[in-house]
Protein backbone atom coordinates (compact mmCIF):
# COMPACT_ATOMS: atom_id res chain seq x y z
CA MET A 1 152.15 85.40 69.38
CA LEU A 2 154.99 83.77 71.32
CA SER A 3 157.54 86.46 70.40
CA ARG A 4 155.06 89.28 71.06
CA TRP A 5 154.23 87.81 74.46
CA ARG A 6 157.92 87.57 75.32
CA ARG A 7 158.60 91.17 74.29
CA ARG A 8 155.60 92.42 76.28
CA SER A 9 156.71 90.46 79.35
CA MET A 10 160.28 91.81 79.08
CA ALA A 11 158.92 95.35 78.82
CA ALA A 12 156.77 94.72 81.90
CA GLY A 13 159.82 93.85 83.95
CA TRP A 14 160.58 90.12 83.55
CA SER A 15 163.97 89.96 85.24
CA LEU A 16 165.80 87.17 83.38
CA ALA A 17 165.24 86.94 79.63
CA ASP A 18 167.11 83.65 79.10
CA ASP A 19 164.79 81.76 81.46
CA TRP A 20 161.47 83.02 80.13
CA TRP A 21 160.78 80.18 77.69
CA THR A 22 159.68 76.77 78.93
CA PRO A 23 157.58 74.10 77.18
CA GLU A 24 154.66 75.20 79.37
CA VAL A 25 154.81 78.65 77.75
CA GLU A 26 153.93 77.11 74.40
CA GLY A 27 151.21 75.07 76.07
CA VAL A 28 149.50 78.23 77.28
CA VAL A 29 149.75 79.82 73.82
CA LYS A 30 148.08 76.75 72.30
CA ALA A 31 145.36 76.90 74.95
CA VAL A 32 144.67 80.58 74.28
CA CYS A 33 144.42 79.78 70.59
CA GLY A 34 141.87 77.07 71.38
CA GLY A 35 144.10 74.02 71.11
CA CYS A 36 143.80 72.66 74.67
CA ASP A 37 142.38 73.29 78.13
CA LEU A 38 143.37 76.74 79.42
CA SER A 39 143.06 75.92 83.12
CA HIS A 40 145.38 72.93 82.87
CA ALA A 41 147.89 74.89 80.77
CA CYS A 42 147.96 77.77 83.27
CA TRP A 43 148.36 75.33 86.18
CA ALA A 44 151.35 73.75 84.43
CA LEU A 45 152.86 77.18 83.73
CA GLY A 46 152.47 78.16 87.38
CA ALA A 47 154.26 74.99 88.50
CA ALA A 48 157.06 75.60 85.97
CA ARG A 49 157.51 79.20 87.11
CA ALA A 50 157.71 78.09 90.75
CA ALA A 51 160.31 75.47 89.82
CA ALA A 52 162.38 78.23 88.20
CA GLY A 53 162.23 80.40 91.31
CA VAL A 54 159.84 82.97 89.80
CA GLY A 55 157.61 84.72 92.33
CA VAL A 56 153.85 84.38 91.99
CA ALA A 57 153.38 88.11 91.34
CA GLU A 58 156.00 88.19 88.56
CA GLY A 59 154.49 85.05 87.06
CA MET A 60 151.00 86.54 87.03
CA ASN A 61 152.31 89.74 85.43
CA ASP A 62 153.87 87.56 82.73
CA LEU A 63 150.57 85.75 82.17
CA ALA A 64 148.76 89.10 81.97
CA ALA A 65 151.22 90.16 79.25
CA LEU A 66 150.02 87.26 77.10
CA PHE A 67 146.38 88.32 77.29
CA ALA A 68 147.40 91.91 76.65
CA VAL A 69 148.99 91.03 73.31
CA THR A 70 145.91 89.04 72.27
CA GLY A 71 143.75 92.13 72.72
CA ALA A 72 141.56 90.29 75.22
CA GLY A 73 142.43 92.60 78.11
CA GLY A 74 143.28 91.03 81.42
CA PRO A 75 143.47 87.28 81.98
CA PRO A 76 140.25 85.61 83.17
CA PHE A 77 139.96 84.81 86.85
CA GLY A 78 140.01 81.07 86.16
CA ALA A 79 143.36 81.32 84.39
CA LEU A 80 144.91 83.30 87.26
CA ARG A 81 143.47 80.91 89.82
CA SER A 82 144.88 77.89 87.99
CA PHE A 83 148.27 79.56 87.63
CA ALA A 84 148.35 80.38 91.36
CA ALA A 85 147.29 76.84 92.26
CA GLY A 86 150.05 75.32 90.15
CA TRP A 87 152.61 77.71 91.59
CA ALA A 88 151.53 77.02 95.18
CA GLU A 89 151.34 73.24 94.82
CA HIS A 90 154.84 73.04 93.36
CA SER A 91 156.23 75.42 95.97
CA PHE A 92 154.74 73.84 99.07
CA ALA A 93 153.87 70.22 98.31
CA PRO A 94 157.32 68.53 98.57
CA LEU A 95 157.74 69.36 102.27
CA GLY A 96 159.89 66.30 102.78
CA GLU A 97 162.57 67.86 100.57
CA LEU A 98 162.68 71.20 102.34
CA HIS A 99 165.26 70.28 104.97
CA CYS A 100 168.18 72.62 104.57
CA GLU A 101 170.96 70.32 105.80
CA ASP A 102 171.92 66.71 105.33
CA PRO A 103 172.00 65.22 108.84
CA LEU A 104 175.16 63.18 108.24
CA THR A 105 177.48 65.70 106.61
CA GLY A 106 175.90 69.02 107.62
CA LEU A 107 176.08 70.17 103.99
CA VAL A 108 172.99 71.67 102.38
CA THR A 109 170.63 69.29 100.60
CA ALA A 110 170.04 69.09 96.86
CA ALA A 111 166.60 70.69 97.35
CA TYR A 112 168.14 73.68 99.11
CA LEU A 113 170.82 73.92 96.43
CA ARG A 114 168.14 74.16 93.73
CA THR A 115 166.47 76.95 95.70
CA ARG A 116 169.78 78.74 96.14
CA LEU A 117 170.48 78.51 92.42
CA ALA A 118 167.04 79.92 91.63
CA GLN A 119 167.81 82.90 93.86
CA LEU A 120 171.21 83.29 92.24
CA TYR A 121 169.76 83.30 88.73
CA ARG A 122 167.21 85.93 89.62
CA GLY A 123 170.25 88.20 89.88
CA THR A 124 173.30 87.08 87.96
CA ALA A 125 175.24 83.83 87.88
CA LYS A 126 178.02 85.29 85.74
CA GLY A 127 181.45 84.45 87.12
CA THR A 128 180.11 81.64 89.31
CA CYS A 129 181.04 77.98 89.12
CA LEU A 130 180.36 74.59 90.67
CA VAL A 131 183.33 72.76 92.19
CA ALA A 132 182.48 69.05 92.64
CA ALA A 133 184.56 66.45 94.47
CA GLU A 134 184.17 62.68 94.69
CA PRO A 135 186.42 59.63 95.17
CA SER A 136 188.30 58.45 92.10
CA ALA A 137 186.81 54.98 92.68
CA PRO A 138 183.50 54.28 94.49
CA PRO A 139 183.93 52.92 98.02
CA GLY A 140 182.60 49.43 98.64
CA GLU A 141 181.34 48.80 102.17
CA LEU A 142 178.75 50.97 103.87
CA ALA A 143 181.25 52.06 106.50
CA GLU A 144 183.64 53.19 103.76
CA ARG A 145 180.90 55.16 102.01
CA LEU A 146 179.93 56.93 105.22
CA ALA A 147 183.55 57.71 106.06
CA THR A 148 184.13 59.00 102.54
CA ALA A 149 181.09 61.29 102.68
CA LEU A 150 182.16 62.71 106.04
CA ASN A 151 185.76 63.22 104.93
CA LEU A 152 184.66 64.88 101.70
CA ALA A 153 182.43 67.25 103.64
CA THR A 154 185.28 68.13 105.99
CA ALA A 155 187.68 68.69 103.10
CA LEU A 156 185.14 70.89 101.31
CA ARG A 157 184.65 73.10 104.37
CA ARG A 158 188.38 73.51 104.84
CA ALA A 159 188.92 74.42 101.20
CA PHE A 160 185.94 76.81 101.07
CA PRO A 161 185.66 78.49 104.50
CA GLY A 162 183.82 81.58 103.24
CA ASP A 163 180.20 82.24 102.28
CA GLU A 164 180.07 79.65 99.48
CA THR A 165 177.09 77.29 99.24
CA LEU A 166 178.39 73.81 100.15
CA ALA A 167 176.11 70.94 99.16
CA LEU A 168 175.79 67.18 99.13
CA LEU A 169 175.38 66.23 95.45
CA GLY A 170 175.23 62.47 95.89
CA PRO A 171 176.01 59.70 98.39
CA VAL A 172 179.77 60.31 98.02
CA ARG A 173 179.86 63.54 96.01
CA VAL A 174 180.00 67.10 97.34
CA GLY A 175 180.09 70.50 95.70
CA ALA A 176 180.61 74.21 96.27
CA VAL A 177 178.89 77.02 94.38
CA THR A 178 181.50 79.76 94.43
CA ARG A 179 182.88 82.78 92.61
CA MET A 180 185.54 82.31 89.94
CA ASP A 181 188.01 84.74 91.48
CA ASP A 182 191.78 84.83 91.96
CA GLY A 183 191.56 82.67 95.09
CA LEU A 184 189.73 79.80 93.40
CA PRO A 185 192.79 77.87 92.09
CA ALA A 186 194.31 77.67 95.59
CA LYS A 187 191.02 76.44 97.06
CA VAL A 188 190.64 73.80 94.36
CA ALA A 189 194.23 72.67 94.89
CA ARG A 190 193.66 72.35 98.62
CA LEU A 191 190.56 70.23 98.00
CA ARG A 192 192.45 67.99 95.56
CA ASP A 193 195.23 67.45 98.10
CA SER A 194 192.87 66.39 100.89
CA PRO A 195 192.99 62.68 101.80
CA ILE A 196 189.49 61.23 101.99
CA LEU A 197 190.01 57.47 102.51
CA TYR A 198 193.15 55.37 102.93
CA GLY A 199 195.25 58.35 101.85
CA ARG A 200 193.48 58.64 98.49
CA ARG A 201 192.72 62.07 97.08
CA PRO A 202 189.39 63.08 95.55
CA ARG A 203 188.68 63.76 91.91
CA VAL A 204 187.74 67.43 91.57
CA ARG A 205 185.93 69.09 88.67
CA VAL A 206 185.28 72.80 88.12
CA ARG A 207 182.31 73.69 85.92
CA PRO A 208 181.24 77.30 85.21
CA LEU A 209 177.52 77.73 85.75
CA PRO A 210 175.65 78.04 82.43
CA LYS A 211 173.68 81.11 81.41
CA ALA A 212 170.22 79.69 82.11
CA TYR A 213 168.78 78.29 85.34
CA GLY A 214 167.36 75.23 83.59
CA GLN A 215 170.80 74.36 82.27
CA ALA A 216 172.22 74.76 85.77
CA LEU A 217 169.65 72.28 87.09
CA ALA A 218 170.63 69.83 84.36
CA LEU A 219 174.28 70.22 85.39
CA ILE A 220 173.42 69.54 89.03
CA ARG A 221 171.31 66.50 88.09
CA SER A 222 174.15 65.12 85.98
CA MET A 223 176.21 65.10 89.17
CA GLY A 224 173.64 63.09 91.07
CA ALA A 225 171.69 65.81 92.90
């Protein structure tokens, strides 16, 4: 049933095949087959789709594709209601995280970066990378940490003055989501040559974004965001 559901959803217009599967997908299949509560499974699927940046209409079309392959016709109202509730609660509950900018550095927050990545993966993330910068050794005193964060933010803006997404990934770690084009090496070199504290230069890493949105989130989390 899982593969038939996926094929039906792709045919109905699901926009990103690599991000269709989540553990919640299997939970809904088990519920439809009578293994667990359908309302709870649909709520969890709605929350997972919202976390992946899937719109509520696209998510409901996907859920309808499951019931279509079972021969049951359209999904019951209760299943759609639970899906919509899960989607809405995940989308609107964490209001405290919805600030776009960090007040100290002016860089976008980790929450905004996750939203930006979701938008990016609804199109294509091919040829895009994350450039992360941090001190080679963690600063000690609070004043040093604040100065380091501010200097890193300034260095990041100077190295990436275009339309890149510049984010705060951790207390003293910053990053840019940018295209892997011919100008990237010069920008990375400029960032590496920027003094951030006592004349020390930052450690800079360049990581291509993976194929799937979930993997991109794992990459961001591994960097502290």
